[in-house]
Amino acid sequence: MNKNAECYYESAKKLNLLIEQEPLIDGFKLLLGKRQYFFYGPRTPLNLNTSSLIAHDKHTANKVLEKAGFPVPKSIAIYASEFNQGLLETCIKNLTFPLVIKPRDGTLGRDVICNIQNLTALKTHLHNKFATNDCLIVQEFHGNLKSYRILVLYNKIIGVVIREPSFVIGDGSHTLHELIEITNINRNKLRDFLGPICIDEELHIRLQELQIDLGYIPAVDERVTLGYASNATRGGVYQTIYKKISKENKQFFLRAAQALNLNIVGFDVECPDIDIPIQASGGVIIEANPTPSIRIHEKPMEGTPVMVSKKIILSILYRHPFAYLNTLCKEGHVAISIKSALLLIFLGLIYICVTLF
């Protein structure tokens, strides 16, 4: 079963729900009365399909948010056919270097290259990536900012994670290449879903910026950041934080979710500090993820685990409190769960009232 689906599955079990594993969808189905809710890999049944499709298309989502007045990187989409016809310079005429390239519908940071400094380098990277992509996004790079993942569920922020690109700490004797190998061994022991630090195009761009190479020996306790993308699948690190988000930013993310018509969404945002209003600090929404990872909240590398999967499951139960109570009765869990069931009924009635009135 998909690792994110496992988190949902375990939370559903703890709530004594009727659930059945579905290997064909790498997940499970949740039964509430006559209703079935499918958890398909990392996907939940909370978003409309059309809204999810728009958000998965990173270029379209960027333009929807831009039109709604949200700060996003200036961006264009270019097809392999346009690139081969020599139209690149025309397409990017309104963009300013440094730039980023990424797949239009990619995940996990695959094929993302940040901080491309000039047209020659851009052409080289696009040529290489078009071997496996029909369409790529080119957008302006926003560097020297902090990276956050903000998890929104309906009208509430339920999780905040701060993320950093891959790095190593020097010991005065090992080279960068050796430190990367040592760090990757430790990452594999820490979490089975952590990806290794990748020796790829972006890493070499970073080393060029630092004017060093893989043979460089960092001093004791010298920290060397090795990239720009902060995905855990590419060697990034992350931790949950309880830092208070400013009222302005809270409303900012709730409005952004509404603009995309998403009930659950993970926003990747770059800004100086999450407690400073984003629109006044030069921050930008990088992406909106309609099938966000919940493992980074529940199994962080650092920080306190936040069991967001339970909150997500409960958002479904609030709409069907009587079906849930009926499930508890049939399964013989009334005695131990009556308080929670009554609470759900009460919350369900509130939900109905708010929805109707």
Protein backbone atom coordinates (compact mmCIF):
# COMPACT_ATOMS: atom_id res chain seq x y z
CA MET A 1 0.00 0.00 0.00
CA ASN A 2 1.15 3.53 -0.72
CA LYS A 3 2.88 5.05 2.32
CA ASN A 4 0.49 8.01 2.50
CA ALA A 5 -2.48 5.68 2.15
CA GLU A 6 -1.08 3.67 5.07
CA CYS A 7 -1.27 6.76 7.28
CA TYR A 8 -4.93 7.27 6.37
CA TYR A 9 -5.61 3.54 6.80
CA GLU A 10 -4.14 3.46 10.32
CA SER A 11 -6.13 6.53 11.38
CA ALA A 12 -9.32 4.99 10.01
CA LYS A 13 -8.62 1.80 11.98
CA LYS A 14 -8.17 3.76 15.20
CA LEU A 15 -11.55 5.38 14.60
CA ASN A 16 -13.10 1.89 14.28
CA LEU A 17 -14.25 2.50 10.72
CA LEU A 18 -15.13 -0.16 8.17
CA ILE A 19 -12.22 -0.24 5.73
CA GLU A 20 -11.12 -2.63 3.03
CA GLN A 21 -7.72 -2.73 1.36
CA GLU A 22 -7.80 -2.26 -2.42
CA PRO A 23 -4.48 -3.40 -3.95
CA LEU A 24 -5.57 -2.28 -7.43
CA ILE A 25 -5.54 1.36 -6.32
CA ASP A 26 -2.61 1.04 -3.92
CA GLY A 27 -4.95 2.10 -1.14
CA PHE A 28 -8.28 1.28 0.49
CA LYS A 29 -11.97 2.15 0.64
CA LEU A 30 -13.83 3.53 3.63
CA LEU A 31 -17.45 2.42 4.11
CA LEU A 32 -20.02 4.72 5.72
CA GLY A 33 -23.55 3.41 5.36
CA LYS A 34 -24.24 3.15 1.63
CA ARG A 35 -21.34 5.43 0.77
CA GLN A 36 -17.83 4.44 -0.25
CA TYR A 37 -14.80 6.71 -0.07
CA PHE A 38 -11.66 5.64 -1.92
CA PHE A 39 -8.14 6.56 -0.88
CA TYR A 40 -6.17 6.00 -4.06
CA GLY A 41 -2.48 6.03 -3.20
CA PRO A 42 -1.87 9.53 -1.81
CA ARG A 43 -5.19 10.79 -3.25
CA THR A 44 -8.18 11.52 -1.04
CA PRO A 45 -11.87 11.74 -2.01
CA LEU A 46 -12.10 15.36 -0.87
CA ASN A 47 -11.32 17.30 -4.06
CA LEU A 48 -13.34 17.54 -7.26
CA ASN A 49 -11.57 15.83 -10.14
CA THR A 50 -11.55 18.97 -12.30
CA SER A 51 -10.00 21.04 -9.51
CA SER A 52 -7.32 18.39 -8.94
CA LEU A 53 -6.51 18.27 -12.66
CA ILE A 54 -6.06 22.05 -12.76
CA ALA A 55 -3.73 21.99 -9.74
CA HIS A 56 -1.73 19.04 -11.12
CA ASP A 57 -1.05 21.14 -14.21
CA LYS A 58 1.49 23.45 -12.60
CA HIS A 59 1.38 26.02 -15.40
CA THR A 60 -2.42 26.30 -15.35
CA ALA A 61 -2.48 26.52 -11.54
CA ASN A 62 0.15 29.26 -11.69
CA LYS A 63 -1.99 31.29 -14.09
CA VAL A 64 -5.21 30.74 -12.11
CA LEU A 65 -3.53 32.01 -8.95
CA GLU A 66 -1.91 34.90 -10.81
CA LYS A 67 -5.26 35.97 -12.26
CA ALA A 68 -6.77 35.82 -8.76
CA GLY A 69 -4.13 38.25 -7.50
CA PHE A 70 -1.75 35.89 -5.70
CA PRO A 71 2.03 36.33 -6.01
CA VAL A 72 3.54 33.53 -8.12
CA PRO A 73 6.76 33.24 -10.13
CA LYS A 74 6.53 34.72 -13.62
CA SER A 75 6.25 31.64 -15.81
CA ILE A 76 5.81 30.26 -19.33
CA ALA A 77 5.22 26.78 -20.74
CA ILE A 78 7.15 25.60 -23.78
CA TYR A 79 6.65 22.44 -25.84
CA ALA A 80 9.46 20.38 -27.33
CA SER A 81 8.18 21.26 -30.82
CA GLU A 82 8.49 25.00 -30.05
CA PHE A 83 11.98 24.52 -28.66
CA ASN A 84 13.04 22.57 -31.75
CA GLN A 85 11.69 25.39 -33.96
CA GLY A 86 13.99 27.87 -32.22
CA LEU A 87 11.22 29.74 -30.42
CA LEU A 88 12.78 29.66 -26.94
CA GLU A 89 14.00 33.25 -26.88
CA THR A 90 10.61 34.51 -28.03
CA CYS A 91 8.84 32.48 -25.34
CA ILE A 92 11.04 33.73 -22.48
CA LYS A 93 11.40 37.36 -23.61
CA ASN A 94 9.50 38.62 -20.55
CA LEU A 95 11.40 36.47 -18.04
CA THR A 96 14.51 37.51 -16.13
CA PHE A 97 17.41 35.22 -15.27
CA PRO A 98 18.10 33.23 -13.13
CA LEU A 99 15.43 30.74 -14.16
CA VAL A 100 13.96 27.38 -13.17
CA ILE A 101 12.77 24.56 -15.41
CA LYS A 102 10.33 21.88 -14.30
CA PRO A 103 7.82 19.42 -15.81
CA ARG A 104 4.30 20.73 -16.24
CA ASP A 105 2.84 17.83 -14.26
CA GLY A 106 5.83 16.47 -12.35
CA THR A 107 6.05 15.30 -8.75
CA LEU A 108 8.71 14.73 -6.08
CA GLY A 109 11.03 17.33 -7.57
CA ARG A 110 11.90 15.16 -10.57
CA ASP A 111 13.53 17.00 -13.50
CA VAL A 112 13.51 20.32 -11.63
CA ILE A 113 16.60 22.49 -12.14
CA CYS A 114 16.91 25.81 -10.31
CA ASN A 115 19.14 28.87 -10.64
CA ILE A 116 19.93 28.60 -14.37
CA GLN A 117 22.03 31.68 -15.04
CA ASN A 118 22.07 32.23 -18.80
CA LEU A 119 20.55 31.35 -22.16
CA THR A 120 23.28 28.88 -23.13
CA ALA A 121 22.80 26.85 -19.94
CA LEU A 122 19.02 27.05 -20.32
CA LYS A 123 19.17 25.64 -23.85
CA THR A 124 21.39 22.77 -22.69
CA HIS A 125 19.14 21.80 -19.80
CA LEU A 126 15.96 22.07 -21.87
CA HIS A 127 17.49 19.92 -24.62
CA ASN A 128 18.32 17.24 -22.04
CA LYS A 129 14.94 17.33 -20.28
CA PHE A 130 12.90 17.28 -23.49
CA ALA A 131 14.22 13.74 -24.01
CA THR A 132 11.68 12.63 -21.38
CA ASN A 133 9.18 15.52 -21.32
CA ASP A 134 6.87 16.89 -24.01
CA CYS A 135 6.28 20.18 -22.21
CA LEU A 136 8.33 22.07 -19.64
CA ILE A 137 7.77 25.14 -17.51
CA VAL A 138 10.33 27.93 -17.43
CA GLN A 139 9.90 30.38 -14.57
CA GLU A 140 11.83 33.00 -12.66
CA PHE A 141 13.90 31.71 -9.75
CA HIS A 142 13.22 33.13 -6.28
CA GLY A 143 16.30 32.38 -4.21
CA ASN A 144 17.52 33.18 -0.69
CA LEU A 145 14.08 32.59 0.82
CA LYS A 146 12.74 30.02 3.26
CA SER A 147 10.66 27.13 1.91
CA TYR A 148 7.43 26.03 3.59
CA ARG A 149 4.69 23.47 2.96
CA ILE A 150 1.31 24.71 4.22
CA LEU A 151 -1.42 22.06 4.47
CA VAL A 152 -4.96 23.41 4.15
CA LEU A 153 -8.07 21.35 4.92
CA TYR A 154 -11.34 23.10 4.10
CA ASN A 155 -11.17 26.40 5.97
CA LYS A 156 -8.28 25.58 8.28
CA ILE A 157 -4.50 25.23 8.21
CA ILE A 158 -3.69 21.85 9.80
CA GLY A 159 0.04 21.52 9.20
CA VAL A 160 3.14 23.63 8.59
CA VAL A 161 6.52 22.23 7.58
CA ILE A 162 9.72 24.15 6.92
CA ARG A 163 11.99 22.56 4.33
CA GLU A 164 15.62 22.98 3.34
CA PRO A 165 17.69 21.80 0.37
CA SER A 166 20.24 19.03 0.80
CA PHE A 167 23.42 19.80 2.70
CA VAL A 168 26.39 18.13 4.37
CA ILE A 169 28.43 19.03 7.45
CA GLY A 170 32.20 18.96 7.10
CA ASP A 171 34.56 17.02 9.35
CA GLY A 172 37.83 18.37 8.04
CA SER A 173 38.87 15.10 6.40
CA HIS A 174 36.21 13.84 3.97
CA THR A 175 35.52 15.32 0.53
CA LEU A 176 32.08 16.54 -0.49
CA HIS A 177 31.59 13.38 -2.55
CA GLU A 178 32.43 11.21 0.47
CA LEU A 179 30.22 13.26 2.79
CA ILE A 180 27.32 12.85 0.37
CA GLU A 181 27.75 9.07 0.43
CA ILE A 182 27.90 9.03 4.25
CA THR A 183 24.86 11.29 4.55
CA ASN A 184 22.86 9.13 2.13
CA ILE A 185 23.56 6.01 4.21
CA ASN A 186 22.29 7.81 7.31
CA ARG A 187 19.19 9.11 5.49
CA ASN A 188 18.27 5.60 4.41
CA LYS A 189 18.45 4.43 8.04
CA LEU A 190 16.37 7.36 9.29
CA ARG A 191 13.32 7.06 7.00
CA ASP A 192 12.64 4.55 4.24
CA PHE A 193 10.95 7.19 2.08
CA LEU A 194 13.80 9.70 2.14
CA GLY A 195 15.55 10.06 -1.18
CA PRO A 196 19.33 10.38 -1.47
CA ILE A 197 21.25 13.57 -2.10
CA CYS A 198 21.47 13.58 -5.88
CA ILE A 199 24.64 14.40 -7.77
CA ASP A 200 22.78 16.02 -10.65
CA GLU A 201 22.67 19.16 -12.78
CA GLU A 202 21.36 21.33 -9.96
CA LEU A 203 24.09 20.20 -7.57
CA HIS A 204 26.74 21.15 -10.11
CA ILE A 205 25.10 24.58 -10.59
CA ARG A 206 25.30 25.08 -6.83
CA LEU A 207 28.95 23.99 -6.65
CA GLN A 208 29.76 26.36 -9.50
CA GLU A 209 28.10 29.16 -7.56
CA LEU A 210 30.23 28.27 -4.51
CA GLN A 211 33.33 27.91 -6.74
CA ILE A 212 34.14 24.44 -5.39
CA ASP A 213 33.89 20.86 -6.67
CA LEU A 214 33.14 17.39 -5.27
CA GLY A 215 36.76 17.04 -4.19
CA TYR A 216 36.46 19.99 -1.81
CA ILE A 217 37.08 19.14 1.87
CA PRO A 218 34.83 21.23 4.14
CA ALA A 219 36.23 22.34 7.48
CA VAL A 220 34.97 20.87 10.74
CA ASP A 221 31.29 21.85 11.21
CA GLU A 222 31.24 23.73 7.91
CA ARG A 223 27.80 23.44 6.38
CA VAL A 224 27.65 23.19 2.59
CA THR A 225 24.23 23.53 0.95
CA LEU A 226 24.17 21.39 -2.18
CA GLY A 227 21.11 22.57 -4.10
CA TYR A 228 18.00 24.71 -4.19
CA ALA A 229 15.00 22.35 -4.41
CA SER A 230 13.95 21.17 -0.95
CA ASN A 231 12.16 17.92 -1.81
CA ALA A 232 12.88 15.11 0.66
CA THR A 233 13.04 12.76 -2.33
CA ARG A 234 16.09 14.70 -3.56
CA GLY A 235 18.02 14.90 -0.31
CA GLY A 236 16.09 17.76 1.29
CA VAL A 237 15.36 17.97 5.00
CA TYR A 238 12.21 19.12 6.78
CA GLN A 239 10.66 19.66 10.18
CA THR A 240 7.23 20.46 11.51
CA ILE A 241 6.85 23.82 13.18
CA TYR A 242 4.28 25.28 15.50
CA LYS A 243 5.32 28.81 14.67
CA LYS A 244 2.36 31.14 14.61
CA ILE A 245 1.30 32.14 11.12
CA SER A 246 0.23 35.74 10.80
CA LYS A 247 -3.48 36.35 10.45
CA GLU A 248 -2.85 37.81 7.00
CA ASN A 249 -1.03 34.68 5.84
CA LYS A 250 -3.68 32.38 7.26
CA GLN A 251 -6.35 34.15 5.23
CA PHE A 252 -3.97 34.28 2.27
CA PHE A 253 -3.70 30.48 2.07
CA LEU A 254 -7.39 29.89 2.71
CA ARG A 255 -8.24 32.26 -0.15
CA ALA A 256 -5.69 30.57 -2.40
CA ALA A 257 -7.33 27.20 -1.73
CA GLN A 258 -10.70 28.71 -2.58
CA ALA A 259 -9.31 30.22 -5.79
CA LEU A 260 -8.36 26.71 -6.93
CA ASN A 261 -11.56 25.19 -5.49
CA LEU A 262 -9.54 22.68 -3.45
CA ASN A 263 -10.78 21.28 -0.14
CA ILE A 264 -7.38 19.81 0.67
CA VAL A 265 -4.15 21.25 -0.72
CA GLY A 266 -0.49 21.55 0.18
CA PHE A 267 1.00 24.89 -0.85
CA ASP A 268 4.73 25.17 -1.49
CA VAL A 269 5.66 28.73 -0.68
CA GLU A 270 8.93 30.68 -0.63
CA CYS A 271 9.12 33.69 1.68
CA PRO A 272 11.44 35.37 4.22
CA ASP A 273 9.35 34.22 7.19
CA ILE A 274 5.92 32.58 7.42
CA ASP A 275 4.91 35.05 10.15
CA ILE A 276 5.45 38.05 7.85
CA PRO A 277 2.60 38.80 5.41
CA ILE A 278 3.63 37.14 2.15
CA GLN A 279 2.28 39.79 -0.16
CA ALA A 280 4.35 42.43 1.63
CA SER A 281 7.57 40.42 1.90
CA GLY A 282 8.25 39.32 -1.67
CA GLY A 283 7.07 35.77 -1.06
CA VAL A 284 5.52 33.59 -3.77
CA ILE A 285 3.39 30.46 -4.08
CA ILE A 286 5.54 27.99 -6.01
CA GLU A 287 3.01 25.17 -6.38
CA ALA A 288 -0.33 23.85 -5.16
CA ASN A 289 -0.43 20.11 -4.49
CA PRO A 290 -3.95 18.57 -4.52
CA THR A 291 -2.56 15.20 -3.35
CA PRO A 292 -0.18 16.42 -0.67
CA SER A 293 2.13 14.16 1.27
CA ILE A 294 0.96 13.72 4.84
CA ARG A 295 4.01 11.72 5.91
CA ILE A 296 6.11 14.86 6.16
CA HIS A 297 3.70 16.04 8.88
CA GLU A 298 3.25 12.71 10.66
CA LYS A 299 6.82 11.40 10.36
CA PRO A 300 9.02 14.50 10.32
CA MET A 301 12.81 14.38 10.41
CA GLU A 302 12.60 16.94 13.21
CA GLY A 303 9.78 18.53 15.16
CA THR A 304 6.61 17.15 16.72
CA PRO A 305 4.52 14.74 14.60
CA VAL A 306 1.15 16.18 13.61
CA MET A 307 -1.46 13.49 12.89
CA VAL A 308 -3.14 15.26 10.01
CA SER A 309 -4.57 12.03 8.55
CA LYS A 310 -6.97 11.76 11.49
CA LYS A 311 -8.19 15.31 10.92
CA ILE A 312 -8.72 14.53 7.24
CA ILE A 313 -10.67 11.34 8.01
CA LEU A 314 -12.75 13.22 10.58
CA SER A 315 -13.69 15.82 7.97
CA ILE A 316 -15.53 13.01 6.16
CA LEU A 317 -17.17 11.68 9.33
CA TYR A 318 -18.52 15.13 10.23
CA ARG A 319 -20.77 14.87 7.17
CA HIS A 320 -22.08 11.41 8.13
CA PRO A 321 -22.29 11.27 11.94
CA PHE A 322 -25.27 8.91 12.03
CA ALA A 323 -23.66 6.48 9.58
CA TYR A 324 -20.57 6.50 11.79
CA LEU A 325 -22.64 5.83 14.91
CA ASN A 326 -24.36 2.96 13.10
CA THR A 327 -20.93 1.54 12.20
CA LEU A 328 -19.84 1.69 15.83
CA CYS A 329 -23.02 -0.09 16.93
CA LYS A 330 -22.57 -2.89 14.41
CA GLU A 331 -18.93 -3.34 15.33
CA GLY A 332 -19.60 -3.32 19.08
CA HIS A 333 -17.61 -0.19 19.83
CA VAL A 334 -20.43 1.92 21.27
CA ALA A 335 -19.29 1.68 24.88
CA ILE A 336 -15.79 2.93 24.19
CA SER A 337 -16.71 5.41 21.46
CA ILE A 338 -20.07 6.88 22.45
CA LYS A 339 -18.57 10.21 23.52
CA SER A 340 -16.73 10.66 20.25
CA ALA A 341 -19.81 9.59 18.28
CA LEU A 342 -22.04 12.09 20.08
CA LEU A 343 -19.45 14.76 19.46
CA LEU A 344 -19.44 13.89 15.77
CA ILE A 345 -23.24 14.11 15.66
CA PHE A 346 -23.07 17.55 17.23
CA LEU A 347 -20.37 18.66 14.80
CA GLY A 348 -22.31 17.15 11.93
CA LEU A 349 -25.37 19.18 12.83
CA ILE A 350 -23.22 22.31 12.95
CA TYR A 351 -21.79 21.40 9.54
CA ILE A 352 -25.29 21.02 8.10
CA CYS A 353 -26.44 24.32 9.57
CA VAL A 354 -23.40 26.18 8.25
CA THR A 355 -23.81 24.59 4.83
CA LEU A 356 -27.51 25.37 4.56
CA PHE A 357 -27.61 28.76 6.17
